[in-house]
């Protein structure tokens, strides 16, 4: 029924050479590679932070997702809670979830989000 449509097709690009057939796949391959590299590094950072949260100990300096800076003074192994001392002068303490901790400084090593 539509066998006459190819008669009106413009073959000038095919006759002049045009881009090779694989040329349209190159940008897709580059974007795919960038996506995979991003996912790999993101997963690596997430695993590293998870391992650091599991090995929290007293006197570690931490930063929560809300921006609260404190020193770990109490850990509950059976629960997902950590007690932080946020102020030395008034001895203010707060309880936070381990999952809210985004940066851990223990001695000279820092694990987590260090955007500054």
PDB file of N, CA and C in Angstrom:
ATOM      1  N   UNK A   1       0.817  -1.177   0.000  1.00  0.00           N
ATOM      2  CA  UNK A   1       0.000   0.000   0.000  1.00  0.00           C
ATOM      3  C   UNK A   1       0.874   1.259   0.000  1.00  0.00           C
ATOM      4  N   UNK A   2       1.886   1.283   0.828  1.00  0.00           N
ATOM      5  CA  UNK A   2       2.755   2.457   0.879  1.00  0.00           C
ATOM      6  C   UNK A   2       4.077   2.170   0.193  1.00  0.00           C
ATOM      7  N   UNK A   3       4.060   1.351  -0.815  1.00  0.00           N
ATOM      8  CA  UNK A   3       5.304   0.991  -1.498  1.00  0.00           C
ATOM      9  C   UNK A   3       5.870   2.137  -2.312  1.00  0.00           C
ATOM     10  N   UNK A   4       5.127   3.194  -2.535  1.00  0.00           N
ATOM     11  CA  UNK A   4       5.604   4.332  -3.310  1.00  0.00           C
ATOM     12  C   UNK A   4       6.329   5.369  -2.451  1.00  0.00           C
ATOM     13  N   UNK A   5       6.279   5.247  -1.058  1.00  0.00           N
ATOM     14  CA  UNK A   5       6.912   6.225  -0.181  1.00  0.00           C
ATOM     15  C   UNK A   5       8.429   6.289  -0.341  1.00  0.00           C
ATOM     16  N   UNK A   6       9.134   5.177  -0.501  1.00  0.00           N
ATOM     17  CA  UNK A   6      10.581   5.285  -0.654  1.00  0.00           C
ATOM     18  C   UNK A   6      10.995   6.072  -1.894  1.00  0.00           C
ATOM     19  N   UNK A   7      10.114   6.257  -2.834  1.00  0.00           N
ATOM     20  CA  UNK A   7      10.450   7.031  -4.024  1.00  0.00           C
ATOM     21  C   UNK A   7      10.681   8.495  -3.703  1.00  0.00           C
ATOM     22  N   UNK A   8      10.029   8.982  -2.623  1.00  0.00           N
ATOM     23  CA  UNK A   8      10.155  10.387  -2.261  1.00  0.00           C
ATOM     24  C   UNK A   8      11.220  10.635  -1.199  1.00  0.00           C
ATOM     25  N   UNK A   9      11.857   9.604  -0.729  1.00  0.00           N
ATOM     26  CA  UNK A   9      12.883   9.742   0.311  1.00  0.00           C
ATOM     27  C   UNK A   9      14.091  10.468  -0.252  1.00  0.00           C
ATOM     28  N   UNK A  10      14.701  11.296   0.576  1.00  0.00           N
ATOM     29  CA  UNK A  10      15.879  12.050   0.169  1.00  0.00           C
ATOM     30  C   UNK A  10      17.116  11.198   0.428  1.00  0.00           C
ATOM     31  N   UNK A  11      17.788  10.763  -0.573  1.00  0.00           N
ATOM     32  CA  UNK A  11      18.973   9.908  -0.462  1.00  0.00           C
ATOM     33  C   UNK A  11      20.258  10.717  -0.562  1.00  0.00           C
ATOM     34  N   UNK A  12      20.189  12.049  -0.474  1.00  0.00           N
ATOM     35  CA  UNK A  12      21.390  12.864  -0.659  1.00  0.00           C
ATOM     36  C   UNK A  12      22.407  12.618   0.453  1.00  0.00           C
ATOM     37  N   UNK A  13      21.966  12.407   1.718  1.00  0.00           N
ATOM     38  CA  UNK A  13      22.906  12.173   2.813  1.00  0.00           C
ATOM     39  C   UNK A  13      23.592  10.832   2.641  1.00  0.00           C
ATOM     40  N   UNK A  14      22.875   9.834   2.202  1.00  0.00           N
ATOM     41  CA  UNK A  14      23.473   8.520   2.003  1.00  0.00           C
ATOM     42  C   UNK A  14      24.444   8.535   0.836  1.00  0.00           C
ATOM     43  N   UNK A  15      24.152   9.349  -0.177  1.00  0.00           N
ATOM     44  CA  UNK A  15      25.024   9.407  -1.338  1.00  0.00           C
ATOM     45  C   UNK A  15      26.288  10.205  -1.035  1.00  0.00           C
ATOM     46  N   UNK A  16      26.227  11.163  -0.113  1.00  0.00           N
ATOM     47  CA  UNK A  16      27.388  11.979   0.207  1.00  0.00           C
ATOM     48  C   UNK A  16      28.272  11.321   1.262  1.00  0.00           C
ATOM     49  N   UNK A  17      27.947  10.205   1.742  1.00  0.00           N
ATOM     50  CA  UNK A  17      28.757   9.519   2.752  1.00  0.00           C
ATOM     51  C   UNK A  17      28.118   9.600   4.119  1.00  0.00           C
ATOM     52  N   UNK A  18      27.876  10.788   4.636  1.00  0.00           N
ATOM     53  CA  UNK A  18      27.239  10.959   5.947  1.00  0.00           C
ATOM     54  C   UNK A  18      28.090  10.359   7.060  1.00  0.00           C
ATOM     55  N   UNK A  19      27.611  10.444   8.289  1.00  0.00           N
ATOM     56  CA  UNK A  19      28.355   9.879   9.414  1.00  0.00           C
ATOM     57  C   UNK A  19      28.283   8.360   9.393  1.00  0.00           C
ATOM     58  N   UNK A  20      29.300   7.720   9.923  1.00  0.00           N
ATOM     59  CA  UNK A  20      29.255   6.256   9.986  1.00  0.00           C
ATOM     60  C   UNK A  20      28.120   5.807  10.905  1.00  0.00           C
ATOM     61  N   UNK A  21      27.614   4.618  10.711  1.00  0.00           N
ATOM     62  CA  UNK A  21      26.452   4.162  11.495  1.00  0.00           C
ATOM     63  C   UNK A  21      26.707   4.082  13.000  1.00  0.00           C
ATOM     64  N   UNK A  22      27.945   3.845  13.427  1.00  0.00           N
ATOM     65  CA  UNK A  22      28.220   3.734  14.858  1.00  0.00           C
ATOM     66  C   UNK A  22      28.344   5.103  15.536  1.00  0.00           C
ATOM     67  N   UNK A  23      28.367   6.182  14.776  1.00  0.00           N
ATOM     68  CA  UNK A  23      28.584   7.518  15.348  1.00  0.00           C
ATOM     69  C   UNK A  23      27.483   7.917  16.320  1.00  0.00           C
ATOM     70  N   UNK A  24      26.266   7.470  16.122  1.00  0.00           N
ATOM     71  CA  UNK A  24      25.203   7.852  17.045  1.00  0.00           C
ATOM     72  C   UNK A  24      25.296   7.095  18.369  1.00  0.00           C
ATOM     73  N   UNK A  25      26.037   6.001  18.422  1.00  0.00           N
ATOM     74  CA  UNK A  25      26.165   5.230  19.654  1.00  0.00           C
ATOM     75  C   UNK A  25      27.301   5.727  20.534  1.00  0.00           C
ATOM     76  N   UNK A  26      28.218   6.517  19.999  1.00  0.00           N
ATOM     77  CA  UNK A  26      29.352   7.005  20.781  1.00  0.00           C
ATOM     78  C   UNK A  26      28.895   7.886  21.944  1.00  0.00           C
ATOM     79  N   UNK A  27      28.042   8.898  21.743  1.00  0.00           N
ATOM     80  CA  UNK A  27      27.601   9.702  22.904  1.00  0.00           C
ATOM     81  C   UNK A  27      26.834   8.875  23.932  1.00  0.00           C
ATOM     82  N   UNK A  28      26.067   7.923  23.461  1.00  0.00           N
ATOM     83  CA  UNK A  28      25.311   7.078  24.391  1.00  0.00           C
ATOM     84  C   UNK A  28      26.273   6.235  25.225  1.00  0.00           C
ATOM     85  N   UNK A  29      27.321   5.713  24.594  1.00  0.00           N
ATOM     86  CA  UNK A  29      28.317   4.917  25.323  1.00  0.00           C
ATOM     87  C   UNK A  29      29.074   5.778  26.335  1.00  0.00           C
ATOM     88  N   UNK A  30      29.414   7.004  25.972  1.00  0.00           N
ATOM     89  CA  UNK A  30      30.121   7.898  26.889  1.00  0.00           C
ATOM     90  C   UNK A  30      29.245   8.238  28.085  1.00  0.00           C
ATOM     91  N   UNK A  31      27.986   8.568  27.859  1.00  0.00           N
ATOM     92  CA  UNK A  31      27.073   8.864  28.961  1.00  0.00           C
ATOM     93  C   UNK A  31      26.870   7.641  29.853  1.00  0.00           C
ATOM     94  N   UNK A  32      26.787   6.472  29.249  1.00  0.00           N
ATOM     95  CA  UNK A  32      26.647   5.248  30.031  1.00  0.00           C
ATOM     96  C   UNK A  32      27.866   4.997  30.908  1.00  0.00           C
ATOM     97  N   UNK A  33      29.056   5.224  30.366  1.00  0.00           N
ATOM     98  CA  UNK A  33      30.283   5.035  31.140  1.00  0.00           C
ATOM     99  C   UNK A  33      30.354   6.036  32.298  1.00  0.00           C
ATOM    100  N   UNK A  34      29.967   7.274  32.051  1.00  0.00           N
ATOM    101  CA  UNK A  34      29.969   8.283  33.118  1.00  0.00           C
ATOM    102  C   UNK A  34      28.981   7.914  34.218  1.00  0.00           C
ATOM    103  N   UNK A  35      27.824   7.413  33.828  1.00  0.00           N
ATOM    104  CA  UNK A  35      26.824   7.004  34.812  1.00  0.00           C
ATOM    105  C   UNK A  35      27.347   5.854  35.676  1.00  0.00           C
ATOM    106  N   UNK A  36      27.989   4.874  35.047  1.00  0.00           N
ATOM    107  CA  UNK A  36      28.523   3.745  35.798  1.00  0.00           C
ATOM    108  C   UNK A  36      29.630   4.183  36.756  1.00  0.00           C
ATOM    109  N   UNK A  37      30.497   5.090  36.323  1.00  0.00           N
ATOM    110  CA  UNK A  37      31.564   5.576  37.200  1.00  0.00           C
ATOM    111  C   UNK A  37      30.985   6.336  38.384  1.00  0.00           C
ATOM    112  N   UNK A  38      29.948   7.142  38.137  1.00  0.00           N
ATOM    113  CA  UNK A  38      29.307   7.882  39.223  1.00  0.00           C
ATOM    114  C   UNK A  38      28.685   6.927  40.234  1.00  0.00           C
ATOM    115  N   UNK A  39      27.990   5.923  39.744  1.00  0.00           N
ATOM    116  CA  UNK A  39      27.339   4.967  40.642  1.00  0.00           C
ATOM    117  C   UNK A  39      28.372   4.175  41.439  1.00  0.00           C
ATOM    118  N   UNK A  40      29.494   3.829  40.818  1.00  0.00           N
ATOM    119  CA  UNK A  40      30.521   3.042  41.501  1.00  0.00           C
ATOM    120  C   UNK A  40      31.138   3.855  42.636  1.00  0.00           C
ATOM    121  N   UNK A  41      31.501   5.124  42.380  1.00  0.00           N
ATOM    122  CA  UNK A  41      32.116   5.930  43.429  1.00  0.00           C
ATOM    123  C   UNK A  41      31.116   6.267  44.526  1.00  0.00           C
ATOM    124  N   UNK A  42      29.872   6.495  44.153  1.00  0.00           N
ATOM    125  CA  UNK A  42      28.845   6.788  45.144  1.00  0.00           C
ATOM    126  C   UNK A  42      28.639   5.591  46.069  1.00  0.00           C
ATOM    127  N   UNK A  43      28.586   4.409  45.509  1.00  0.00           N
ATOM    128  CA  UNK A  43      28.420   3.201  46.311  1.00  0.00           C
ATOM    129  C   UNK A  43      29.604   2.954  47.217  1.00  0.00           C
ATOM    130  N   UNK A  44      30.794   3.260  46.730  1.00  0.00           N
ATOM    131  CA  UNK A  44      32.008   3.066  47.522  1.00  0.00           C
ATOM    132  C   UNK A  44      31.992   3.985  48.740  1.00  0.00           C
ATOM    133  N   UNK A  45      31.622   5.254  48.551  1.00  0.00           N
ATOM    134  CA  UNK A  45      31.555   6.195  49.665  1.00  0.00           C
ATOM    135  C   UNK A  45      30.492   5.777  50.674  1.00  0.00           C
ATOM    136  N   UNK A  46      29.385   5.281  50.168  1.00  0.00           N
ATOM    137  CA  UNK A  46      28.298   4.846  51.055  1.00  0.00           C
ATOM    138  C   UNK A  46      28.740   3.657  51.906  1.00  0.00           C
ATOM    139  N   UNK A  47      29.417   2.683  51.298  1.00  0.00           N
ATOM    140  CA  UNK A  47      29.907   1.522  52.057  1.00  0.00           C
ATOM    141  C   UNK A  47      30.945   1.941  53.095  1.00  0.00           C
ATOM    142  N   UNK A  48      31.815   2.884  52.734  1.00  0.00           N
ATOM    143  CA  UNK A  48      32.850   3.359  53.654  1.00  0.00           C
ATOM    144  C   UNK A  48      32.233   4.050  54.864  1.00  0.00           C
ATOM    145  N   UNK A  49      31.230   4.889  54.636  1.00  0.00           N
ATOM    146  CA  UNK A  49      30.561   5.576  55.737  1.00  0.00           C
ATOM    147  C   UNK A  49      29.794   4.591  56.613  1.00  0.00           C
ATOM    148  N   UNK A  50      29.172   3.598  55.998  1.00  0.00           N
ATOM    149  CA  UNK A  50      28.436   2.576  56.757  1.00  0.00           C
ATOM    150  C   UNK A  50      29.390   1.807  57.680  1.00  0.00           C
ATOM    151  N   UNK A  51      30.565   1.481  57.160  1.00  0.00           N
ATOM    152  CA  UNK A  51      31.554   0.764  57.965  1.00  0.00           C
ATOM    153  C   UNK A  51      32.050   1.643  59.114  1.00  0.00           C
ATOM    154  N   UNK A  52      32.238   2.940  58.853  1.00  0.00           N
ATOM    155  CA  UNK A  52      32.696   3.855  59.900  1.00  0.00           C
ATOM    156  C   UNK A  52      31.628   4.042  60.974  1.00  0.00           C
ATOM    157  N   UNK A  53      30.350   4.074  60.581  1.00  0.00           N
ATOM    158  CA  UNK A  53      29.267   4.190  61.568  1.00  0.00           C
ATOM    159  C   UNK A  53      29.241   2.962  62.482  1.00  0.00           C
ATOM    160  N   UNK A  54      29.507   1.808  61.909  1.00  0.00           N
ATOM    161  CA  UNK A  54      29.491   0.576  62.701  1.00  0.00           C
ATOM    162  C   UNK A  54      30.651   0.544  63.694  1.00  0.00           C
ATOM    163  N   UNK A  55      31.742   1.237  63.385  1.00  0.00           N
ATOM    164  CA  UNK A  55      32.905   1.214  64.270  1.00  0.00           C
ATOM    165  C   UNK A  55      33.042   2.500  65.094  1.00  0.00           C
ATOM    166  N   UNK A  56      31.940   3.205  65.318  1.00  0.00           N
ATOM    167  CA  UNK A  56      31.978   4.404  66.156  1.00  0.00           C
ATOM    168  C   UNK A  56      32.424   4.050  67.563  1.00  0.00           C
ATOM    169  N   UNK A  57      33.154   4.974  68.177  1.00  0.00           N
ATOM    170  CA  UNK A  57      33.578   4.762  69.557  1.00  0.00           C
ATOM    171  C   UNK A  57      33.513   6.092  70.298  1.00  0.00           C
ATOM    172  N   UNK A  58      33.626   6.046  71.606  1.00  0.00           N
ATOM    173  CA  UNK A  58      33.586   7.265  72.412  1.00  0.00           C
ATOM    174  C   UNK A  58      34.712   8.206  72.005  1.00  0.00           C
ATOM    175  N   UNK A  59      34.458   9.492  72.142  1.00  0.00           N
ATOM    176  CA  UNK A  59      35.387  10.581  71.830  1.00  0.00           C
ATOM    177  C   UNK A  59      35.604  10.803  70.336  1.00  0.00           C
ATOM    178  N   UNK A  60      34.818  10.163  69.472  1.00  0.00           N
ATOM    179  CA  UNK A  60      34.859  10.474  68.042  1.00  0.00           C
ATOM    180  C   UNK A  60      34.074  11.760  67.817  1.00  0.00           C
ATOM    181  N   UNK A  61      34.603  12.626  66.974  1.00  0.00           N
ATOM    182  CA  UNK A  61      33.909  13.874  66.637  1.00  0.00           C
ATOM    183  C   UNK A  61      33.061  13.599  65.404  1.00  0.00           C
ATOM    184  N   UNK A  62      31.768  13.943  65.452  1.00  0.00           N
ATOM    185  CA  UNK A  62      30.850  13.641  64.355  1.00  0.00           C
ATOM    186  C   UNK A  62      30.059  14.888  63.957  1.00  0.00           C
ATOM    187  N   UNK A  63      29.547  14.847  62.728  1.00  0.00           N
ATOM    188  CA  UNK A  63      28.643  15.872  62.224  1.00  0.00           C
ATOM    189  C   UNK A  63      27.402  15.155  61.718  1.00  0.00           C
ATOM    190  N   UNK A  64      26.234  15.650  62.121  1.00  0.00           N
ATOM    191  CA  UNK A  64      24.984  15.022  61.677  1.00  0.00           C
ATOM    192  C   UNK A  64      24.502  15.680  60.388  1.00  0.00           C
ATOM    193  N   UNK A  65      23.480  15.093  59.795  1.00  0.00           N
ATOM    194  CA  UNK A  65      22.900  15.637  58.564  1.00  0.00           C
ATOM    195  C   UNK A  65      22.290  17.013  58.797  1.00  0.00           C
ATOM    196  N   UNK A  66      21.903  17.305  60.019  1.00  0.00           N
ATOM    197  CA  UNK A  66      21.329  18.609  60.352  1.00  0.00           C
ATOM    198  C   UNK A  66      22.403  19.657  60.626  1.00  0.00           C
ATOM    199  N   UNK A  67      23.673  19.249  60.628  1.00  0.00           N
ATOM    200  CA  UNK A  67      24.759  20.189  60.862  1.00  0.00           C
ATOM    201  C   UNK A  67      25.178  20.290  62.311  1.00  0.00           C
ATOM    202  N   UNK A  68      24.686  19.414  63.154  1.00  0.00           N
ATOM    203  CA  UNK A  68      25.050  19.427  64.575  1.00  0.00           C
ATOM    204  C   UNK A  68      26.405  18.756  64.736  1.00  0.00           C
ATOM    205  N   UNK A  69      27.316  19.469  65.398  1.00  0.00           N
ATOM    206  CA  UNK A  69      28.658  18.947  65.642  1.00  0.00           C
ATOM    207  C   UNK A  69      28.724  18.511  67.090  1.00  0.00           C
ATOM    208  N   UNK A  70      29.248  17.323  67.321  1.00  0.00           N
ATOM    209  CA  UNK A  70      29.338  16.831  68.684  1.00  0.00           C
ATOM    210  C   UNK A  70      30.385  15.764  68.842  1.00  0.00           C
ATOM    211  N   UNK A  71      30.576  15.356  70.084  1.00  0.00           N
ATOM    212  CA  UNK A  71      31.529  14.302  70.432  1.00  0.00           C
ATOM    213  C   UNK A  71      30.726  13.138  71.004  1.00  0.00           C
ATOM    214  N   UNK A  72      31.018  11.947  70.535  1.00  0.00           N
ATOM    215  CA  UNK A  72      30.293  10.751  70.981  1.00  0.00           C
ATOM    216  C   UNK A  72      30.652  10.475  72.438  1.00  0.00           C
ATOM    217  N   UNK A  73      29.627  10.382  73.290  1.00  0.00           N
ATOM    218  CA  UNK A  73      29.844  10.065  74.697  1.00  0.00           C
ATOM    219  C   UNK A  73      29.096   8.808  75.123  1.00  0.00           C
ATOM    220  N   UNK A  74      28.198   8.330  74.287  1.00  0.00           N
ATOM    221  CA  UNK A  74      27.466   7.130  74.647  1.00  0.00           C
ATOM    222  C   UNK A  74      26.987   6.387  73.417  1.00  0.00           C
ATOM    223  N   UNK A  75      27.191   5.077  73.426  1.00  0.00           N
ATOM    224  CA  UNK A  75      26.755   4.218  72.328  1.00  0.00           C
ATOM    225  C   UNK A  75      25.863   3.128  72.878  1.00  0.00           C
ATOM    226  N   UNK A  76      24.828   2.804  72.148  1.00  0.00           N
ATOM    227  CA  UNK A  76      23.979   1.671  72.501  1.00  0.00           C
ATOM    228  C   UNK A  76      24.096   0.661  71.373  1.00  0.00           C
ATOM    229  N   UNK A  77      24.713  -0.471  71.673  1.00  0.00           N
ATOM    230  CA  UNK A  77      24.915  -1.486  70.641  1.00  0.00           C
ATOM    231  C   UNK A  77      23.613  -2.121  70.199  1.00  0.00           C
ATOM    232  N   UNK A  78      22.656  -2.204  71.113  1.00  0.00           N
ATOM    233  CA  UNK A  78      21.406  -2.863  70.767  1.00  0.00           C
ATOM    234  C   UNK A  78      20.468  -1.949  69.983  1.00  0.00           C
ATOM    235  N   UNK A  79      20.716  -0.656  70.041  1.00  0.00           N
ATOM    236  CA  UNK A  79      19.861   0.297  69.337  1.00  0.00           C
ATOM    237  C   UNK A  79      20.693   1.085  68.329  1.00  0.00           C
ATOM    238  N   UNK A  80      20.013   1.862  67.531  1.00  0.00           N
ATOM    239  CA  UNK A  80      20.671   2.669  66.516  1.00  0.00           C
ATOM    240  C   UNK A  80      20.832   4.111  67.000  1.00  0.00           C
ATOM    241  N   UNK A  81      21.099   4.291  68.291  1.00  0.00           N
ATOM    242  CA  UNK A  81      21.208   5.624  68.867  1.00  0.00           C
ATOM    243  C   UNK A  81      22.618   5.893  69.363  1.00  0.00           C
ATOM    244  N   UNK A  82      22.993   7.176  69.277  1.00  0.00           N
ATOM    245  CA  UNK A  82      24.282   7.646  69.765  1.00  0.00           C
ATOM    246  C   UNK A  82      24.013   8.892  70.597  1.00  0.00           C
ATOM    247  N   UNK A  83      24.682   9.027  71.730  1.00  0.00           N
ATOM    248  CA  UNK A  83      24.565  10.230  72.537  1.00  0.00           C
ATOM    249  C   UNK A  83      25.758  11.125  72.245  1.00  0.00           C
ATOM    250  N   UNK A  84      25.458  12.390  71.899  1.00  0.00           N
ATOM    251  CA  UNK A  84      26.501  13.352  71.562  1.00  0.00           C
ATOM    252  C   UNK A  84      26.548  14.453  72.605  1.00  0.00           C
ATOM    253  N   UNK A  85      27.754  14.885  72.940  1.00  0.00           N
ATOM    254  CA  UNK A  85      27.936  16.068  73.788  1.00  0.00           C
ATOM    255  C   UNK A  85      28.200  17.225  72.835  1.00  0.00           C
ATOM    256  N   UNK A  86      27.322  18.236  72.866  1.00  0.00           N
ATOM    257  CA  UNK A  86      27.425  19.326  71.901  1.00  0.00           C
ATOM    258  C   UNK A  86      28.033  20.595  72.490  1.00  0.00           C
ATOM    259  N   UNK A  87      28.040  20.720  73.815  1.00  0.00           N
ATOM    260  CA  UNK A  87      28.568  21.933  74.433  1.00  0.00           C
ATOM    261  C   UNK A  87      29.291  21.555  75.724  1.00  0.00           C
ATOM    262  N   UNK A  88      30.536  21.991  75.850  1.00  0.00           N
ATOM    263  CA  UNK A  88      31.310  21.667  77.045  1.00  0.00           C
ATOM    264  C   UNK A  88      30.883  22.469  78.269  1.00  0.00           C
ATOM    265  N   UNK A  89      30.559  23.732  78.068  1.00  0.00           N
ATOM    266  CA  UNK A  89      30.267  24.591  79.228  1.00  0.00           C
ATOM    267  C   UNK A  89      28.961  24.206  79.925  1.00  0.00           C
ATOM    268  N   UNK A  90      27.931  23.855  79.150  1.00  0.00           N
ATOM    269  CA  UNK A  90      26.658  23.498  79.773  1.00  0.00           C
ATOM    270  C   UNK A  90      26.411  21.996  79.783  1.00  0.00           C
ATOM    271  N   UNK A  91      27.367  21.244  79.276  1.00  0.00           N
ATOM    272  CA  UNK A  91      27.285  19.775  79.233  1.00  0.00           C
ATOM    273  C   UNK A  91      26.004  19.305  78.533  1.00  0.00           C
ATOM    274  N   UNK A  92      25.664  19.959  77.438  1.00  0.00           N
ATOM    275  CA  UNK A  92      24.466  19.616  76.669  1.00  0.00           C
ATOM    276  C   UNK A  92      24.694  18.318  75.912  1.00  0.00           C
ATOM    277  N   UNK A  93      23.742  17.415  76.045  1.00  0.00           N
ATOM    278  CA  UNK A  93      23.824  16.123  75.352  1.00  0.00           C
ATOM    279  C   UNK A  93      22.534  15.902  74.573  1.00  0.00           C
ATOM    280  N   UNK A  94      22.695  15.288  73.391  1.00  0.00           N
ATOM    281  CA  UNK A  94      21.527  14.939  72.584  1.00  0.00           C
ATOM    282  C   UNK A  94      21.700  13.516  72.081  1.00  0.00           C
ATOM    283  N   UNK A  95      20.576  12.887  71.800  1.00  0.00           N
ATOM    284  CA  UNK A  95      20.597  11.545  71.215  1.00  0.00           C
ATOM    285  C   UNK A  95      20.213  11.661  69.744  1.00  0.00           C
ATOM    286  N   UNK A  96      20.985  11.019  68.896  1.00  0.00           N
ATOM    287  CA  UNK A  96      20.707  11.020  67.454  1.00  0.00           C
ATOM    288  C   UNK A  96      20.809   9.591  66.938  1.00  0.00           C
ATOM    289  N   UNK A  97      20.249   9.364  65.772  1.00  0.00           N
ATOM    290  CA  UNK A  97      20.363   8.062  65.127  1.00  0.00           C
ATOM    291  C   UNK A  97      21.708   7.960  64.418  1.00  0.00           C
ATOM    292  N   UNK A  98      22.263   6.776  64.389  1.00  0.00           N
ATOM    293  CA  UNK A  98      23.526   6.575  63.674  1.00  0.00           C
ATOM    294  C   UNK A  98      23.389   6.920  62.201  1.00  0.00           C
ATOM    295  N   UNK A  99      22.218   6.686  61.634  1.00  0.00           N
ATOM    296  CA  UNK A  99      22.016   6.952  60.212  1.00  0.00           C
ATOM    297  C   UNK A  99      22.043   8.436  59.881  1.00  0.00           C
ATOM    298  N   UNK A 100      21.907   9.319  60.888  1.00  0.00           N
ATOM    299  CA  UNK A 100      21.952  10.755  60.626  1.00  0.00           C
ATOM    300  C   UNK A 100      23.371  11.304  60.637  1.00  0.00           C
ATOM    301  N   UNK A 101      24.344  10.491  61.013  1.00  0.00           N
ATOM    302  CA  UNK A 101      25.738  10.933  61.038  1.00  0.00           C
ATOM    303  C   UNK A 101      26.303  10.874  59.624  1.00  0.00           C
ATOM    304  N   UNK A 102      26.834  12.015  59.155  1.00  0.00           N
ATOM    305  CA  UNK A 102      27.348  12.090  57.786  1.00  0.00           C
ATOM    306  C   UNK A 102      28.862  12.271  57.729  1.00  0.00           C
ATOM    307  N   UNK A 103      29.492  12.621  58.859  1.00  0.00           N
ATOM    308  CA  UNK A 103      30.943  12.781  58.875  1.00  0.00           C
ATOM    309  C   UNK A 103      31.469  12.348  60.229  1.00  0.00           C
ATOM    310  N   UNK A 104      32.558  11.577  60.211  1.00  0.00           N
ATOM    311  CA  UNK A 104      33.160  11.071  61.440  1.00  0.00           C
ATOM    312  C   UNK A 104      34.643  11.407  61.415  1.00  0.00           C
ATOM    313  N   UNK A 105      35.118  12.053  62.489  1.00  0.00           N
ATOM    314  CA  UNK A 105      36.540  12.352  62.605  1.00  0.00           C
ATOM    315  C   UNK A 105      37.070  11.620  63.823  1.00  0.00           C
ATOM    316  N   UNK A 106      37.981  10.711  63.571  1.00  0.00           N
ATOM    317  CA  UNK A 106      38.570   9.925  64.635  1.00  0.00           C
ATOM    318  C   UNK A 106      40.083  10.087  64.527  1.00  0.00           C
ATOM    319  N   UNK A 107      40.683  10.842  65.433  1.00  0.00           N
ATOM    320  CA  UNK A 107      42.110  11.092  65.337  1.00  0.00           C
ATOM    321  C   UNK A 107      42.416  11.976  64.137  1.00  0.00           C
ATOM    322  N   UNK A 108      43.232  11.481  63.220  1.00  0.00           N
ATOM    323  CA  UNK A 108      43.592  12.250  62.029  1.00  0.00           C
ATOM    324  C   UNK A 108      42.794  11.840  60.806  1.00  0.00           C
ATOM    325  N   UNK A 109      41.908  10.862  60.921  1.00  0.00           N
ATOM    326  CA  UNK A 109      41.166  10.384  59.761  1.00  0.00           C
ATOM    327  C   UNK A 109      39.743  10.933  59.781  1.00  0.00           C
ATOM    328  N   UNK A 110      39.272  11.310  58.593  1.00  0.00           N
ATOM    329  CA  UNK A 110      37.906  11.804  58.444  1.00  0.00           C
ATOM    330  C   UNK A 110      37.206  10.957  57.409  1.00  0.00           C
ATOM    331  N   UNK A 111      36.023  10.467  57.768  1.00  0.00           N
ATOM    332  CA  UNK A 111      35.225   9.651  56.866  1.00  0.00           C
ATOM    333  C   UNK A 111      33.903  10.339  56.675  1.00  0.00           C
ATOM    334  N   UNK A 112      33.445  10.390  55.438  1.00  0.00           N
ATOM    335  CA  UNK A 112      32.135  10.950  55.160  1.00  0.00           C
ATOM    336  C   UNK A 112      32.202  12.181  54.305  1.00  0.00           C
ATOM    337  N   UNK A 113      31.114  12.907  54.290  1.00  0.00           N
ATOM    338  CA  UNK A 113      30.955  14.089  53.461  1.00  0.00           C
ATOM    339  C   UNK A 113      31.820  15.216  53.993  1.00  0.00           C
ATOM    340  N   UNK A 114      32.819  15.653  53.222  1.00  0.00           N
ATOM    341  CA  UNK A 114      33.727  16.711  53.675  1.00  0.00           C
ATOM    342  C   UNK A 114      33.618  17.939  52.801  1.00  0.00           C
ATOM    343  N   UNK A 115      32.402  18.312  52.415  1.00  0.00           N
ATOM    344  CA  UNK A 115      32.198  19.507  51.585  1.00  0.00           C
ATOM    345  C   UNK A 115      32.434  20.742  52.419  1.00  0.00           C
ATOM    346  N   UNK A 116      33.317  21.608  51.979  1.00  0.00           N
ATOM    347  CA  UNK A 116      33.552  22.871  52.667  1.00  0.00           C
ATOM    348  C   UNK A 116      33.923  23.929  51.681  1.00  0.00           C
TER     349      UNK A 116
END
